[in-house]
């Protein structure tokens, strides 16, 4: 996956991620930590652990470091690669 992340994410998904405060670093830097997905809760919603400690715009905190992620890019990466 790595450097292919950006190429493999459809434009419609990139265009939907307009609120990303990290400038889509997850797609451009292989060492950028992705939130670890615990499970898919529903269409468009993942349960995650956030490695940054503070949730981003697309993550709503739940319990401790767990959150609900609605980031279009993170969901695409999970659904496409199971990462």
PDB file of N, CA and C in Angstrom:
ATOM      1  N   UNK A   1       0.849  -1.172   0.000  1.00  0.00           N
ATOM      2  CA  UNK A   1       0.000   0.000   0.000  1.00  0.00           C
ATOM      3  C   UNK A   1       0.887   1.225   0.000  1.00  0.00           C
ATOM      4  N   UNK A   2       1.407   1.679   1.122  1.00  0.00           N
ATOM      5  CA  UNK A   2       2.384   2.749   1.239  1.00  0.00           C
ATOM      6  C   UNK A   2       2.176   3.904   0.291  1.00  0.00           C
ATOM      7  N   UNK A   3       3.107   4.108  -0.635  1.00  0.00           N
ATOM      8  CA  UNK A   3       3.047   5.240  -1.548  1.00  0.00           C
ATOM      9  C   UNK A   3       1.869   5.142  -2.509  1.00  0.00           C
ATOM     10  N   UNK A   4       1.243   3.995  -2.578  1.00  0.00           N
ATOM     11  CA  UNK A   4       0.073   3.828  -3.445  1.00  0.00           C
ATOM     12  C   UNK A   4      -1.201   4.371  -2.805  1.00  0.00           C
ATOM     13  N   UNK A   5      -1.148   4.693  -1.529  1.00  0.00           N
ATOM     14  CA  UNK A   5      -2.360   5.152  -0.838  1.00  0.00           C
ATOM     15  C   UNK A   5      -3.030   6.302  -1.576  1.00  0.00           C
ATOM     16  N   UNK A   6      -2.269   7.348  -1.874  1.00  0.00           N
ATOM     17  CA  UNK A   6      -2.855   8.530  -2.502  1.00  0.00           C
ATOM     18  C   UNK A   6      -3.410   8.211  -3.875  1.00  0.00           C
ATOM     19  N   UNK A   7      -2.683   7.431  -4.640  1.00  0.00           N
ATOM     20  CA  UNK A   7      -3.123   7.097  -5.987  1.00  0.00           C
ATOM     21  C   UNK A   7      -4.394   6.255  -5.956  1.00  0.00           C
ATOM     22  N   UNK A   8      -4.541   5.406  -4.965  1.00  0.00           N
ATOM     23  CA  UNK A   8      -5.652   4.466  -4.921  1.00  0.00           C
ATOM     24  C   UNK A   8      -6.931   5.011  -4.299  1.00  0.00           C
ATOM     25  N   UNK A   9      -6.886   6.168  -3.691  1.00  0.00           N
ATOM     26  CA  UNK A   9      -8.089   6.734  -3.081  1.00  0.00           C
ATOM     27  C   UNK A   9      -8.827   7.537  -4.143  1.00  0.00           C
ATOM     28  N   UNK A  10     -10.082   7.201  -4.400  1.00  0.00           N
ATOM     29  CA  UNK A  10     -10.843   7.895  -5.442  1.00  0.00           C
ATOM     30  C   UNK A  10     -10.989   9.397  -5.157  1.00  0.00           C
ATOM     31  N   UNK A  11     -11.043  10.172  -6.214  1.00  0.00           N
ATOM     32  CA  UNK A  11     -11.194  11.623  -6.089  1.00  0.00           C
ATOM     33  C   UNK A  11     -12.422  11.996  -5.271  1.00  0.00           C
ATOM     34  N   UNK A  12     -13.510  11.258  -5.436  1.00  0.00           N
ATOM     35  CA  UNK A  12     -14.743  11.579  -4.692  1.00  0.00           C
ATOM     36  C   UNK A  12     -14.513  11.508  -3.187  1.00  0.00           C
ATOM     37  N   UNK A  13     -13.633  10.581  -2.741  1.00  0.00           N
ATOM     38  CA  UNK A  13     -13.327  10.446  -1.314  1.00  0.00           C
ATOM     39  C   UNK A  13     -12.444  11.603  -0.863  1.00  0.00           C
ATOM     40  N   UNK A  14     -11.429  11.935  -1.663  1.00  0.00           N
ATOM     41  CA  UNK A  14     -10.550  13.059  -1.327  1.00  0.00           C
ATOM     42  C   UNK A  14     -11.348  14.362  -1.240  1.00  0.00           C
ATOM     43  N   UNK A  15     -12.266  14.542  -2.160  1.00  0.00           N
ATOM     44  CA  UNK A  15     -13.090  15.750  -2.174  1.00  0.00           C
ATOM     45  C   UNK A  15     -14.025  15.822  -0.976  1.00  0.00           C
ATOM     46  N   UNK A  16     -14.382  14.675  -0.421  1.00  0.00           N
ATOM     47  CA  UNK A  16     -15.266  14.641   0.747  1.00  0.00           C
ATOM     48  C   UNK A  16     -14.516  14.937   2.045  1.00  0.00           C
ATOM     49  N   UNK A  17     -13.190  14.901   2.009  1.00  0.00           N
ATOM     50  CA  UNK A  17     -12.377  15.093   3.220  1.00  0.00           C
ATOM     51  C   UNK A  17     -11.899  16.538   3.360  1.00  0.00           C
ATOM     52  N   UNK A  18     -12.772  17.472   3.142  1.00  0.00           N
ATOM     53  CA  UNK A  18     -12.397  18.895   3.143  1.00  0.00           C
ATOM     54  C   UNK A  18     -12.045  19.421   4.530  1.00  0.00           C
ATOM     55  N   UNK A  19     -12.451  18.735   5.586  1.00  0.00           N
ATOM     56  CA  UNK A  19     -12.202  19.212   6.946  1.00  0.00           C
ATOM     57  C   UNK A  19     -10.907  18.676   7.550  1.00  0.00           C
ATOM     58  N   UNK A  20     -10.093  17.964   6.772  1.00  0.00           N
ATOM     59  CA  UNK A  20      -8.872  17.349   7.310  1.00  0.00           C
ATOM     60  C   UNK A  20      -7.860  18.416   7.715  1.00  0.00           C
ATOM     61  N   UNK A  21      -7.567  18.476   9.010  1.00  0.00           N
ATOM     62  CA  UNK A  21      -6.620  19.466   9.517  1.00  0.00           C
ATOM     63  C   UNK A  21      -5.169  19.000   9.415  1.00  0.00           C
ATOM     64  N   UNK A  22      -4.974  17.780   8.920  1.00  0.00           N
ATOM     65  CA  UNK A  22      -3.629  17.221   8.780  1.00  0.00           C
ATOM     66  C   UNK A  22      -3.190  17.160   7.313  1.00  0.00           C
ATOM     67  N   UNK A  23      -3.915  17.830   6.439  1.00  0.00           N
ATOM     68  CA  UNK A  23      -3.593  17.901   5.008  1.00  0.00           C
ATOM     69  C   UNK A  23      -3.390  16.519   4.384  1.00  0.00           C
ATOM     70  N   UNK A  24      -4.234  15.579   4.791  1.00  0.00           N
ATOM     71  CA  UNK A  24      -4.208  14.208   4.263  1.00  0.00           C
ATOM     72  C   UNK A  24      -2.831  13.547   4.423  1.00  0.00           C
ATOM     73  N   UNK A  25      -2.176  13.821   5.541  1.00  0.00           N
ATOM     74  CA  UNK A  25      -0.851  13.252   5.811  1.00  0.00           C
ATOM     75  C   UNK A  25      -0.875  11.729   5.814  1.00  0.00           C
ATOM     76  N   UNK A  26      -1.993  11.138   6.153  1.00  0.00           N
ATOM     77  CA  UNK A  26      -2.103   9.674   6.172  1.00  0.00           C
ATOM     78  C   UNK A  26      -1.899   9.069   4.790  1.00  0.00           C
ATOM     79  N   UNK A  27      -2.115   9.870   3.755  1.00  0.00           N
ATOM     80  CA  UNK A  27      -1.943   9.378   2.391  1.00  0.00           C
ATOM     81  C   UNK A  27      -0.566   9.685   1.816  1.00  0.00           C
ATOM     82  N   UNK A  28       0.101  10.661   2.382  1.00  0.00           N
ATOM     83  CA  UNK A  28       1.352  11.120   1.805  1.00  0.00           C
ATOM     84  C   UNK A  28       2.587  10.641   2.550  1.00  0.00           C
ATOM     85  N   UNK A  29       2.423  10.183   3.778  1.00  0.00           N
ATOM     86  CA  UNK A  29       3.563   9.794   4.606  1.00  0.00           C
ATOM     87  C   UNK A  29       3.279   8.427   5.221  1.00  0.00           C
ATOM     88  N   UNK A  30       4.029   7.422   4.783  1.00  0.00           N
ATOM     89  CA  UNK A  30       3.810   6.058   5.277  1.00  0.00           C
ATOM     90  C   UNK A  30       3.999   5.940   6.785  1.00  0.00           C
ATOM     91  N   UNK A  31       4.797   6.825   7.380  1.00  0.00           N
ATOM     92  CA  UNK A  31       5.049   6.742   8.816  1.00  0.00           C
ATOM     93  C   UNK A  31       3.973   7.465   9.628  1.00  0.00           C
ATOM     94  N   UNK A  32       3.062   8.167   8.967  1.00  0.00           N
ATOM     95  CA  UNK A  32       2.001   8.873   9.686  1.00  0.00           C
ATOM     96  C   UNK A  32       1.080   7.847  10.345  1.00  0.00           C
ATOM     97  N   UNK A  33       0.844   7.977  11.644  1.00  0.00           N
ATOM     98  CA  UNK A  33       0.029   6.970  12.339  1.00  0.00           C
ATOM     99  C   UNK A  33      -1.454   7.067  11.989  1.00  0.00           C
ATOM    100  N   UNK A  34      -2.008   5.960  11.583  1.00  0.00           N
ATOM    101  CA  UNK A  34      -3.441   5.881  11.336  1.00  0.00           C
ATOM    102  C   UNK A  34      -4.151   5.489  12.626  1.00  0.00           C
ATOM    103  N   UNK A  35      -5.353   5.960  12.798  1.00  0.00           N
ATOM    104  CA  UNK A  35      -6.157   5.481  13.914  1.00  0.00           C
ATOM    105  C   UNK A  35      -6.394   3.987  13.714  1.00  0.00           C
ATOM    106  N   UNK A  36      -6.269   3.226  14.789  1.00  0.00           N
ATOM    107  CA  UNK A  36      -6.490   1.786  14.693  1.00  0.00           C
ATOM    108  C   UNK A  36      -7.987   1.506  14.737  1.00  0.00           C
ATOM    109  N   UNK A  37      -8.464   0.792  13.743  1.00  0.00           N
ATOM    110  CA  UNK A  37      -9.886   0.477  13.665  1.00  0.00           C
ATOM    111  C   UNK A  37     -10.192  -0.713  14.559  1.00  0.00           C
ATOM    112  N   UNK A  38     -11.180  -0.534  15.417  1.00  0.00           N
ATOM    113  CA  UNK A  38     -11.666  -1.610  16.277  1.00  0.00           C
ATOM    114  C   UNK A  38     -12.735  -2.393  15.527  1.00  0.00           C
ATOM    115  N   UNK A  39     -13.656  -1.674  14.901  1.00  0.00           N
ATOM    116  CA  UNK A  39     -14.711  -2.321  14.125  1.00  0.00           C
ATOM    117  C   UNK A  39     -15.445  -1.281  13.287  1.00  0.00           C
ATOM    118  N   UNK A  40     -16.167  -1.780  12.323  1.00  0.00           N
ATOM    119  CA  UNK A  40     -17.054  -0.932  11.534  1.00  0.00           C
ATOM    120  C   UNK A  40     -18.403  -0.967  12.236  1.00  0.00           C
ATOM    121  N   UNK A  41     -18.902   0.178  12.610  1.00  0.00           N
ATOM    122  CA  UNK A  41     -20.157   0.258  13.361  1.00  0.00           C
ATOM    123  C   UNK A  41     -21.357   0.289  12.422  1.00  0.00           C
ATOM    124  N   UNK A  42     -21.208   1.089  11.370  1.00  0.00           N
ATOM    125  CA  UNK A  42     -22.279   1.243  10.382  1.00  0.00           C
ATOM    126  C   UNK A  42     -21.637   1.806   9.120  1.00  0.00           C
ATOM    127  N   UNK A  43     -22.409   1.932   8.078  1.00  0.00           N
ATOM    128  CA  UNK A  43     -21.886   2.541   6.861  1.00  0.00           C
ATOM    129  C   UNK A  43     -21.413   3.952   7.189  1.00  0.00           C
ATOM    130  N   UNK A  44     -20.138   4.214   6.932  1.00  0.00           N
ATOM    131  CA  UNK A  44     -19.593   5.540   7.171  1.00  0.00           C
ATOM    132  C   UNK A  44     -19.173   5.833   8.595  1.00  0.00           C
ATOM    133  N   UNK A  45     -19.118   4.808   9.467  1.00  0.00           N
ATOM    134  CA  UNK A  45     -18.719   5.027  10.860  1.00  0.00           C
ATOM    135  C   UNK A  45     -17.829   3.879  11.327  1.00  0.00           C
ATOM    136  N   UNK A  46     -16.637   4.239  11.841  1.00  0.00           N
ATOM    137  CA  UNK A  46     -15.718   3.251  12.397  1.00  0.00           C
ATOM    138  C   UNK A  46     -15.516   3.524  13.882  1.00  0.00           C
ATOM    139  N   UNK A  47     -15.336   2.471  14.658  1.00  0.00           N
ATOM    140  CA  UNK A  47     -14.883   2.617  16.040  1.00  0.00           C
ATOM    141  C   UNK A  47     -13.370   2.518  15.986  1.00  0.00           C
ATOM    142  N   UNK A  48     -12.658   3.500  16.575  1.00  0.00           N
ATOM    143  CA  UNK A  48     -11.206   3.563  16.452  1.00  0.00           C
ATOM    144  C   UNK A  48     -10.531   3.901  17.774  1.00  0.00           C
ATOM    145  N   UNK A  49      -9.217   3.644  17.808  1.00  0.00           N
ATOM    146  CA  UNK A  49      -8.315   4.179  18.831  1.00  0.00           C
ATOM    147  C   UNK A  49      -7.459   5.207  18.117  1.00  0.00           C
ATOM    148  N   UNK A  50      -7.349   6.393  18.663  1.00  0.00           N
ATOM    149  CA  UNK A  50      -6.609   7.463  18.001  1.00  0.00           C
ATOM    150  C   UNK A  50      -5.180   7.539  18.535  1.00  0.00           C
ATOM    151  N   UNK A  51      -4.161   7.338  17.683  1.00  0.00           N
ATOM    152  CA  UNK A  51      -2.777   7.365  18.148  1.00  0.00           C
ATOM    153  C   UNK A  51      -2.269   8.756  18.512  1.00  0.00           C
ATOM    154  N   UNK A  52      -2.894   9.790  18.003  1.00  0.00           N
ATOM    155  CA  UNK A  52      -2.441  11.139  18.292  1.00  0.00           C
ATOM    156  C   UNK A  52      -2.857  11.599  19.683  1.00  0.00           C
ATOM    157  N   UNK A  53      -3.760  10.891  20.308  1.00  0.00           N
ATOM    158  CA  UNK A  53      -4.224  11.268  21.635  1.00  0.00           C
ATOM    159  C   UNK A  53      -5.409  12.218  21.593  1.00  0.00           C
ATOM    160  N   UNK A  54      -5.375  13.201  20.738  1.00  0.00           N
ATOM    161  CA  UNK A  54      -6.483  14.141  20.613  1.00  0.00           C
ATOM    162  C   UNK A  54      -7.240  13.838  19.334  1.00  0.00           C
ATOM    163  N   UNK A  55      -8.540  13.760  19.417  1.00  0.00           N
ATOM    164  CA  UNK A  55      -9.311  13.454  18.220  1.00  0.00           C
ATOM    165  C   UNK A  55      -9.211  14.552  17.171  1.00  0.00           C
ATOM    166  N   UNK A  56      -9.339  14.168  15.911  1.00  0.00           N
ATOM    167  CA  UNK A  56      -9.350  15.135  14.824  1.00  0.00           C
ATOM    168  C   UNK A  56     -10.791  15.547  14.540  1.00  0.00           C
ATOM    169  N   UNK A  57     -10.963  16.356  13.531  1.00  0.00           N
ATOM    170  CA  UNK A  57     -12.289  16.849  13.158  1.00  0.00           C
ATOM    171  C   UNK A  57     -13.280  15.718  12.904  1.00  0.00           C
ATOM    172  N   UNK A  58     -12.795  14.631  12.343  1.00  0.00           N
ATOM    173  CA  UNK A  58     -13.673  13.533  11.957  1.00  0.00           C
ATOM    174  C   UNK A  58     -13.875  12.495  13.058  1.00  0.00           C
ATOM    175  N   UNK A  59     -13.224  12.682  14.204  1.00  0.00           N
ATOM    176  CA  UNK A  59     -13.332  11.700  15.285  1.00  0.00           C
ATOM    177  C   UNK A  59     -14.088  12.302  16.467  1.00  0.00           C
ATOM    178  N   UNK A  60     -15.092  11.604  16.899  1.00  0.00           N
ATOM    179  CA  UNK A  60     -15.834  12.013  18.078  1.00  0.00           C
ATOM    180  C   UNK A  60     -15.432  11.101  19.226  1.00  0.00           C
ATOM    181  N   UNK A  61     -14.914  11.656  20.328  1.00  0.00           N
ATOM    182  CA  UNK A  61     -14.473  10.818  21.442  1.00  0.00           C
ATOM    183  C   UNK A  61     -15.629  10.016  22.025  1.00  0.00           C
ATOM    184  N   UNK A  62     -15.291   8.828  22.490  1.00  0.00           N
ATOM    185  CA  UNK A  62     -16.290   7.973  23.142  1.00  0.00           C
ATOM    186  C   UNK A  62     -15.816   7.694  24.566  1.00  0.00           C
ATOM    187  N   UNK A  63     -14.929   6.723  24.731  1.00  0.00           N
ATOM    188  CA  UNK A  63     -14.417   6.350  26.045  1.00  0.00           C
ATOM    189  C   UNK A  63     -12.899   6.335  25.972  1.00  0.00           C
ATOM    190  N   UNK A  64     -12.241   7.066  26.858  1.00  0.00           N
ATOM    191  CA  UNK A  64     -10.766   7.154  26.905  1.00  0.00           C
ATOM    192  C   UNK A  64     -10.220   7.492  25.526  1.00  0.00           C
ATOM    193  N   UNK A  65      -9.391   6.628  24.946  1.00  0.00           N
ATOM    194  CA  UNK A  65      -8.799   6.918  23.643  1.00  0.00           C
ATOM    195  C   UNK A  65      -9.639   6.376  22.488  1.00  0.00           C
ATOM    196  N   UNK A  66     -10.793   5.824  22.779  1.00  0.00           N
ATOM    197  CA  UNK A  66     -11.658   5.313  21.728  1.00  0.00           C
ATOM    198  C   UNK A  66     -12.522   6.436  21.166  1.00  0.00           C
ATOM    199  N   UNK A  67     -12.863   6.291  19.885  1.00  0.00           N
ATOM    200  CA  UNK A  67     -13.719   7.285  19.267  1.00  0.00           C
ATOM    201  C   UNK A  67     -14.506   6.710  18.116  1.00  0.00           C
ATOM    202  N   UNK A  68     -15.365   7.534  17.560  1.00  0.00           N
ATOM    203  CA  UNK A  68     -16.143   7.179  16.389  1.00  0.00           C
ATOM    204  C   UNK A  68     -15.623   8.017  15.229  1.00  0.00           C
ATOM    205  N   UNK A  69     -15.095   7.367  14.211  1.00  0.00           N
ATOM    206  CA  UNK A  69     -14.473   8.051  13.080  1.00  0.00           C
ATOM    207  C   UNK A  69     -15.414   8.069  11.889  1.00  0.00           C
ATOM    208  N   UNK A  70     -15.561   9.253  11.305  1.00  0.00           N
ATOM    209  CA  UNK A  70     -16.370   9.400  10.101  1.00  0.00           C
ATOM    210  C   UNK A  70     -15.541   9.983   8.954  1.00  0.00           C
ATOM    211  N   UNK A  71     -14.211   9.882   9.063  1.00  0.00           N
ATOM    212  CA  UNK A  71     -13.328  10.405   8.023  1.00  0.00           C
ATOM    213  C   UNK A  71     -13.485   9.595   6.742  1.00  0.00           C
ATOM    214  N   UNK A  72     -13.830  10.246   5.643  1.00  0.00           N
ATOM    215  CA  UNK A  72     -14.029   9.511   4.391  1.00  0.00           C
ATOM    216  C   UNK A  72     -12.767   8.772   3.930  1.00  0.00           C
ATOM    217  N   UNK A  73     -11.591   9.372   4.155  1.00  0.00           N
ATOM    218  CA  UNK A  73     -10.340   8.736   3.731  1.00  0.00           C
ATOM    219  C   UNK A  73     -10.021   7.535   4.610  1.00  0.00           C
ATOM    220  N   UNK A  74     -10.174   7.692   5.935  1.00  0.00           N
ATOM    221  CA  UNK A  74      -9.879   6.565   6.838  1.00  0.00           C
ATOM    222  C   UNK A  74     -10.825   5.398   6.559  1.00  0.00           C
ATOM    223  N   UNK A  75     -12.063   5.684   6.293  1.00  0.00           N
ATOM    224  CA  UNK A  75     -13.041   4.634   5.980  1.00  0.00           C
ATOM    225  C   UNK A  75     -12.663   3.942   4.681  1.00  0.00           C
ATOM    226  N   UNK A  76     -12.265   4.705   3.681  1.00  0.00           N
ATOM    227  CA  UNK A  76     -11.845   4.113   2.403  1.00  0.00           C
ATOM    228  C   UNK A  76     -10.633   3.207   2.591  1.00  0.00           C
ATOM    229  N   UNK A  77      -9.631   3.657   3.346  1.00  0.00           N
ATOM    230  CA  UNK A  77      -8.443   2.830   3.586  1.00  0.00           C
ATOM    231  C   UNK A  77      -8.811   1.542   4.315  1.00  0.00           C
ATOM    232  N   UNK A  78      -9.724   1.644   5.277  1.00  0.00           N
ATOM    233  CA  UNK A  78     -10.145   0.446   6.007  1.00  0.00           C
ATOM    234  C   UNK A  78     -10.908  -0.513   5.089  1.00  0.00           C
ATOM    235  N   UNK A  79     -11.843   0.011   4.339  1.00  0.00           N
ATOM    236  CA  UNK A  79     -12.670  -0.846   3.484  1.00  0.00           C
ATOM    237  C   UNK A  79     -11.854  -1.453   2.336  1.00  0.00           C
ATOM    238  N   UNK A  80     -10.889  -0.712   1.826  1.00  0.00           N
ATOM    239  CA  UNK A  80     -10.101  -1.184   0.693  1.00  0.00           C
ATOM    240  C   UNK A  80      -8.993  -2.139   1.110  1.00  0.00           C
ATOM    241  N   UNK A  81      -8.287  -1.798   2.220  1.00  0.00           N
ATOM    242  CA  UNK A  81      -7.092  -2.563   2.610  1.00  0.00           C
ATOM    243  C   UNK A  81      -7.198  -3.272   3.964  1.00  0.00           C
ATOM    244  N   UNK A  82      -8.281  -2.992   4.705  1.00  0.00           N
ATOM    245  CA  UNK A  82      -8.451  -3.548   6.053  1.00  0.00           C
ATOM    246  C   UNK A  82      -7.334  -3.125   6.998  1.00  0.00           C
ATOM    247  N   UNK A  83      -6.865  -1.888   6.833  1.00  0.00           N
ATOM    248  CA  UNK A  83      -5.857  -1.329   7.750  1.00  0.00           C
ATOM    249  C   UNK A  83      -6.486  -0.263   8.594  1.00  0.00           C
TER     250      UNK A  83
END
